[in-house]
Amino acid sequence: MYKKLLNYTIAGILFTSIFGTLSHFIYEWSGFHWLAGLFTPVNESTWEHMKLLFFPMLFYGIFMWFSLRKDYPCIAFSYPLGILAGTFAIPILFYTYSGILGKNYTAADILIFYISVVLAFASTYSLCRCKKEKYSLIPALLVLALAICFLCFTISPPEFGIFSPPAYNK
């Protein structure tokens, strides 16, 4: 019964992983165009790297919602929660391991992105397997609020640590 959902989930993991990885370079490839910078990282800060998961998963989610909403009525509830879980897993995992070790490593940071993608889609998959639609407005509004924050804070980042590039120790 859940084979279709599983196939879309695996495809979503691949799509988000590939486009998230490519997104790391799009701002530079675009000649540092401001529009590309709204949706892709403009520096090495943890905040900007959260976009690597957020926007590719959001765009895939629109496709997934249109494709699966009749068979899986909870997709409108579960997908935004998956986006939020994966996006916030990035800073949680980054600051946890770098705080414990006292430094951070590029390879670990890359691995965190892929772990967060899998976590995001696993959350969506597990929450999506309900029989009756759940209240989806609040998760969707939280994703919209986060999207607005990404756009605003790219233009004018606050002076907090998450918005500053970390010092890499190899």
C-alpha atoms as a PDB file:
ATOM      1  CA  MET A   1       0.000   0.000   0.000  1.00  0.00           C
ATOM      2  CA  TYR A   2       2.850   2.391   0.735  1.00  0.00           C
ATOM      3  CA  LYS A   3       5.023   1.423  -2.246  1.00  0.00           C
ATOM      4  CA  LYS A   4       4.127   4.589  -4.181  1.00  0.00           C
ATOM      5  CA  LEU A   5       4.943   6.744  -1.155  1.00  0.00           C
ATOM      6  CA  LEU A   6       8.227   4.891  -0.652  1.00  0.00           C
ATOM      7  CA  ASN A   7       9.213   5.427  -4.299  1.00  0.00           C
ATOM      8  CA  TYR A   8       8.458   9.158  -4.091  1.00  0.00           C
ATOM      9  CA  THR A   9      10.370   9.332  -0.807  1.00  0.00           C
ATOM     10  CA  ILE A  10      13.474   7.689  -2.280  1.00  0.00           C
ATOM     11  CA  ALA A  11      13.235   9.940  -5.352  1.00  0.00           C
ATOM     12  CA  GLY A  12      12.897  12.951  -3.026  1.00  0.00           C
ATOM     13  CA  ILE A  13      16.003  11.964  -1.088  1.00  0.00           C
ATOM     14  CA  LEU A  14      17.949  11.717  -4.350  1.00  0.00           C
ATOM     15  CA  PHE A  15      16.499  14.953  -5.769  1.00  0.00           C
ATOM     16  CA  THR A  16      17.150  16.956  -2.601  1.00  0.00           C
ATOM     17  CA  SER A  17      20.645  15.483  -2.161  1.00  0.00           C
ATOM     18  CA  ILE A  18      21.660  16.239  -5.756  1.00  0.00           C
ATOM     19  CA  PHE A  19      20.099  19.691  -6.029  1.00  0.00           C
ATOM     20  CA  GLY A  20      21.132  20.611  -2.498  1.00  0.00           C
ATOM     21  CA  THR A  21      24.723  19.717  -3.327  1.00  0.00           C
ATOM     22  CA  LEU A  22      24.601  21.690  -6.583  1.00  0.00           C
ATOM     23  CA  SER A  23      22.987  24.607  -4.747  1.00  0.00           C
ATOM     24  CA  HIS A  24      26.190  25.048  -2.804  1.00  0.00           C
ATOM     25  CA  PHE A  25      27.811  26.360  -6.002  1.00  0.00           C
ATOM     26  CA  ILE A  26      24.941  28.112  -7.820  1.00  0.00           C
ATOM     27  CA  TYR A  27      25.467  31.537  -6.249  1.00  0.00           C
ATOM     28  CA  GLU A  28      29.080  31.611  -7.428  1.00  0.00           C
ATOM     29  CA  TRP A  29      28.204  30.082 -10.827  1.00  0.00           C
ATOM     30  CA  SER A  30      25.557  32.793 -11.318  1.00  0.00           C
ATOM     31  CA  GLY A  31      28.203  35.494 -10.995  1.00  0.00           C
ATOM     32  CA  PHE A  32      26.954  36.239  -7.468  1.00  0.00           C
ATOM     33  CA  HIS A  33      23.515  37.244  -8.746  1.00  0.00           C
ATOM     34  CA  TRP A  34      21.268  38.436  -5.930  1.00  0.00           C
ATOM     35  CA  LEU A  35      18.311  36.300  -7.069  1.00  0.00           C
ATOM     36  CA  ALA A  36      20.356  33.094  -6.893  1.00  0.00           C
ATOM     37  CA  GLY A  37      21.512  34.154  -3.445  1.00  0.00           C
ATOM     38  CA  LEU A  38      17.965  34.247  -2.136  1.00  0.00           C
ATOM     39  CA  PHE A  39      17.610  30.474  -2.644  1.00  0.00           C
ATOM     40  CA  THR A  40      21.198  29.232  -2.321  1.00  0.00           C
ATOM     41  CA  PRO A  41      23.986  29.872   0.206  1.00  0.00           C
ATOM     42  CA  VAL A  42      25.801  33.197  -0.163  1.00  0.00           C
ATOM     43  CA  ASN A  43      28.447  32.341   2.453  1.00  0.00           C
ATOM     44  CA  GLU A  44      29.591  29.453   4.635  1.00  0.00           C
ATOM     45  CA  SER A  45      27.345  30.229   7.613  1.00  0.00           C
ATOM     46  CA  THR A  46      25.212  27.497   9.112  1.00  0.00           C
ATOM     47  CA  TRP A  47      22.079  29.538   8.380  1.00  0.00           C
ATOM     48  CA  GLU A  48      22.888  29.802   4.683  1.00  0.00           C
ATOM     49  CA  HIS A  49      23.645  26.075   4.523  1.00  0.00           C
ATOM     50  CA  MET A  50      20.185  25.273   5.838  1.00  0.00           C
ATOM     51  CA  LYS A  51      18.969  26.466   2.417  1.00  0.00           C
ATOM     52  CA  LEU A  52      20.704  23.461   0.832  1.00  0.00           C
ATOM     53  CA  LEU A  53      17.949  21.243   2.200  1.00  0.00           C
ATOM     54  CA  PHE A  54      15.072  23.681   2.567  1.00  0.00           C
ATOM     55  CA  PHE A  55      14.524  24.947  -0.975  1.00  0.00           C
ATOM     56  CA  PRO A  56      15.155  21.732  -2.954  1.00  0.00           C
ATOM     57  CA  MET A  57      12.887  19.821  -0.560  1.00  0.00           C
ATOM     58  CA  LEU A  58      10.247  22.550  -0.744  1.00  0.00           C
ATOM     59  CA  PHE A  59      10.218  22.478  -4.542  1.00  0.00           C
ATOM     60  CA  TYR A  60      10.092  18.673  -4.627  1.00  0.00           C
ATOM     61  CA  GLY A  61       7.328  18.782  -2.024  1.00  0.00           C
ATOM     62  CA  ILE A  62       5.070  20.799  -4.307  1.00  0.00           C
ATOM     63  CA  PHE A  63       5.449  18.089  -6.956  1.00  0.00           C
ATOM     64  CA  MET A  64       4.988  15.327  -4.368  1.00  0.00           C
ATOM     65  CA  TRP A  65       1.865  16.965  -2.934  1.00  0.00           C
ATOM     66  CA  PHE A  66       0.214  17.282  -6.351  1.00  0.00           C
ATOM     67  CA  SER A  67       1.093  13.671  -7.145  1.00  0.00           C
ATOM     68  CA  LEU A  68       0.132  12.020  -3.858  1.00  0.00           C
ATOM     69  CA  ARG A  69      -2.522  14.137  -2.155  1.00  0.00           C
ATOM     70  CA  LYS A  70      -5.404  11.826  -3.127  1.00  0.00           C
ATOM     71  CA  ASP A  71      -3.707   8.598  -2.055  1.00  0.00           C
ATOM     72  CA  TYR A  72      -2.032  10.064   1.041  1.00  0.00           C
ATOM     73  CA  PRO A  73      -4.253  12.737   2.612  1.00  0.00           C
ATOM     74  CA  CYS A  74      -1.715  13.519   5.359  1.00  0.00           C
ATOM     75  CA  ILE A  75       0.955  14.745   2.924  1.00  0.00           C
ATOM     76  CA  ALA A  76      -0.035  18.386   3.456  1.00  0.00           C
ATOM     77  CA  PHE A  77       0.622  17.869   7.177  1.00  0.00           C
ATOM     78  CA  SER A  78       3.645  15.578   7.080  1.00  0.00           C
ATOM     79  CA  TYR A  79       5.714  17.186   4.331  1.00  0.00           C
ATOM     80  CA  PRO A  80       6.083  20.616   5.996  1.00  0.00           C
ATOM     81  CA  LEU A  81       7.024  18.880   9.244  1.00  0.00           C
ATOM     82  CA  GLY A  82       9.656  16.867   7.350  1.00  0.00           C
ATOM     83  CA  ILE A  83      11.077  20.063   5.847  1.00  0.00           C
ATOM     84  CA  LEU A  84      11.280  21.660   9.282  1.00  0.00           C
ATOM     85  CA  ALA A  85      12.815  18.556  10.890  1.00  0.00           C
ATOM     86  CA  GLY A  86      15.514  18.248   8.222  1.00  0.00           C
ATOM     87  CA  THR A  87      16.272  21.948   8.038  1.00  0.00           C
ATOM     88  CA  PHE A  88      16.680  22.339  11.792  1.00  0.00           C
ATOM     89  CA  ALA A  89      18.623  19.084  12.090  1.00  0.00           C
ATOM     90  CA  ILE A  90      21.488  20.820  10.251  1.00  0.00           C
ATOM     91  CA  PRO A  91      22.316  23.399  12.950  1.00  0.00           C
ATOM     92  CA  ILE A  92      21.445  21.015  15.785  1.00  0.00           C
ATOM     93  CA  LEU A  93      23.838  18.342  14.519  1.00  0.00           C
ATOM     94  CA  PHE A  94      26.512  20.860  13.507  1.00  0.00           C
ATOM     95  CA  TYR A  95      26.609  22.723  16.817  1.00  0.00           C
ATOM     96  CA  THR A  96      26.346  19.501  18.822  1.00  0.00           C
ATOM     97  CA  TYR A  97      29.322  17.753  17.226  1.00  0.00           C
ATOM     98  CA  SER A  98      31.465  20.884  16.876  1.00  0.00           C
ATOM     99  CA  GLY A  99      30.692  21.841  20.472  1.00  0.00           C
ATOM    100  CA  ILE A 100      31.697  18.404  21.734  1.00  0.00           C
ATOM    101  CA  LEU A 101      34.868  18.235  19.636  1.00  0.00           C
ATOM    102  CA  GLY A 102      35.740  21.899  19.978  1.00  0.00           C
ATOM    103  CA  LYS A 103      36.201  22.189  16.209  1.00  0.00           C
ATOM    104  CA  ASN A 104      34.451  21.289  13.000  1.00  0.00           C
ATOM    105  CA  TYR A 105      35.369  19.312   9.915  1.00  0.00           C
ATOM    106  CA  THR A 106      34.214  19.825   6.343  1.00  0.00           C
ATOM    107  CA  ALA A 107      33.601  16.095   5.809  1.00  0.00           C
ATOM    108  CA  ALA A 108      31.385  15.955   8.914  1.00  0.00           C
ATOM    109  CA  ASP A 109      29.478  19.049   7.764  1.00  0.00           C
ATOM    110  CA  ILE A 110      28.778  17.426   4.403  1.00  0.00           C
ATOM    111  CA  LEU A 111      27.659  14.215   6.106  1.00  0.00           C
ATOM    112  CA  ILE A 112      25.286  16.250   8.299  1.00  0.00           C
ATOM    113  CA  PHE A 113      23.545  17.545   5.177  1.00  0.00           C
ATOM    114  CA  TYR A 114      22.892  14.030   3.875  1.00  0.00           C
ATOM    115  CA  ILE A 115      21.803  12.741   7.295  1.00  0.00           C
ATOM    116  CA  SER A 116      19.397  15.684   7.547  1.00  0.00           C
ATOM    117  CA  VAL A 117      17.926  14.942   4.110  1.00  0.00           C
ATOM    118  CA  VAL A 118      17.266  11.320   5.079  1.00  0.00           C
ATOM    119  CA  LEU A 119      15.818  12.419   8.429  1.00  0.00           C
ATOM    120  CA  ALA A 120      13.521  14.906   6.679  1.00  0.00           C
ATOM    121  CA  PHE A 121      12.128  12.350   4.264  1.00  0.00           C
ATOM    122  CA  ALA A 122      11.911   9.603   6.903  1.00  0.00           C
ATOM    123  CA  SER A 123       9.833  11.992   9.030  1.00  0.00           C
ATOM    124  CA  THR A 124       7.589  12.800   6.095  1.00  0.00           C
ATOM    125  CA  TYR A 125       7.187   9.127   5.201  1.00  0.00           C
ATOM    126  CA  SER A 126       6.309   8.030   8.724  1.00  0.00           C
ATOM    127  CA  LEU A 127       3.847  10.866   9.337  1.00  0.00           C
ATOM    128  CA  CYS A 128       2.242  10.558   5.896  1.00  0.00           C
ATOM    129  CA  ARG A 129       0.900   7.067   6.464  1.00  0.00           C
ATOM    130  CA  CYS A 130      -2.375   8.088   8.077  1.00  0.00           C
ATOM    131  CA  LYS A 131      -5.908   7.437   6.842  1.00  0.00           C
ATOM    132  CA  LYS A 132      -7.475  10.832   7.420  1.00  0.00           C
ATOM    133  CA  GLU A 133      -6.164  14.322   6.655  1.00  0.00           C
ATOM    134  CA  LYS A 134      -4.671  16.126   9.613  1.00  0.00           C
ATOM    135  CA  TYR A 135      -4.740  19.831  10.297  1.00  0.00           C
ATOM    136  CA  SER A 136      -2.018  21.161   7.987  1.00  0.00           C
ATOM    137  CA  LEU A 137      -2.252  24.942   8.177  1.00  0.00           C
ATOM    138  CA  ILE A 138       0.172  25.448  11.077  1.00  0.00           C
ATOM    139  CA  PRO A 139       3.049  23.348   9.618  1.00  0.00           C
ATOM    140  CA  ALA A 140       2.573  25.052   6.235  1.00  0.00           C
ATOM    141  CA  LEU A 141       2.633  28.509   7.856  1.00  0.00           C
ATOM    142  CA  LEU A 142       5.811  27.607   9.737  1.00  0.00           C
ATOM    143  CA  VAL A 143       7.483  26.612   6.454  1.00  0.00           C
ATOM    144  CA  LEU A 144       6.282  29.861   4.859  1.00  0.00           C
ATOM    145  CA  ALA A 145       7.644  31.846   7.819  1.00  0.00           C
ATOM    146  CA  LEU A 146      10.996  30.080   7.514  1.00  0.00           C
ATOM    147  CA  ALA A 147      11.099  30.783   3.767  1.00  0.00           C
ATOM    148  CA  ILE A 148      10.486  34.469   4.471  1.00  0.00           C
ATOM    149  CA  CYS A 149      13.247  34.419   7.100  1.00  0.00           C
ATOM    150  CA  PHE A 150      15.666  32.893   4.588  1.00  0.00           C
ATOM    151  CA  LEU A 151      14.881  35.624   2.077  1.00  0.00           C
ATOM    152  CA  CYS A 152      15.052  38.482   4.607  1.00  0.00           C
ATOM    153  CA  PHE A 153      18.109  37.255   6.509  1.00  0.00           C
ATOM    154  CA  THR A 154      20.042  36.689   3.288  1.00  0.00           C
ATOM    155  CA  ILE A 155      19.577  40.365   2.490  1.00  0.00           C
ATOM    156  CA  SER A 156      20.149  41.600   6.044  1.00  0.00           C
ATOM    157  CA  PRO A 157      21.554  38.930   8.386  1.00  0.00           C
ATOM    158  CA  PRO A 158      21.336  39.541  12.130  1.00  0.00           C
ATOM    159  CA  GLU A 159      24.569  39.572  14.098  1.00  0.00           C
ATOM    160  CA  PHE A 160      24.251  36.125  15.673  1.00  0.00           C
ATOM    161  CA  GLY A 161      26.645  33.196  15.424  1.00  0.00           C
ATOM    162  CA  ILE A 162      24.445  31.073  13.170  1.00  0.00           C
ATOM    163  CA  PHE A 163      24.662  33.794  10.506  1.00  0.00           C
ATOM    164  CA  SER A 164      28.470  33.949  10.601  1.00  0.00           C
ATOM    165  CA  PRO A 165      30.746  31.511   8.769  1.00  0.00           C
ATOM    166  CA  PRO A 166      32.442  29.072  11.170  1.00  0.00           C
ATOM    167  CA  ALA A 167      36.195  28.759  11.500  1.00  0.00           C
ATOM    168  CA  TYR A 168      37.168  25.433   9.961  1.00  0.00           C
ATOM    169  CA  ASN A 169      39.783  23.290  11.632  1.00  0.00           C
ATOM    170  CA  LYS A 170      41.054  20.351   9.633  1.00  0.00           C
END
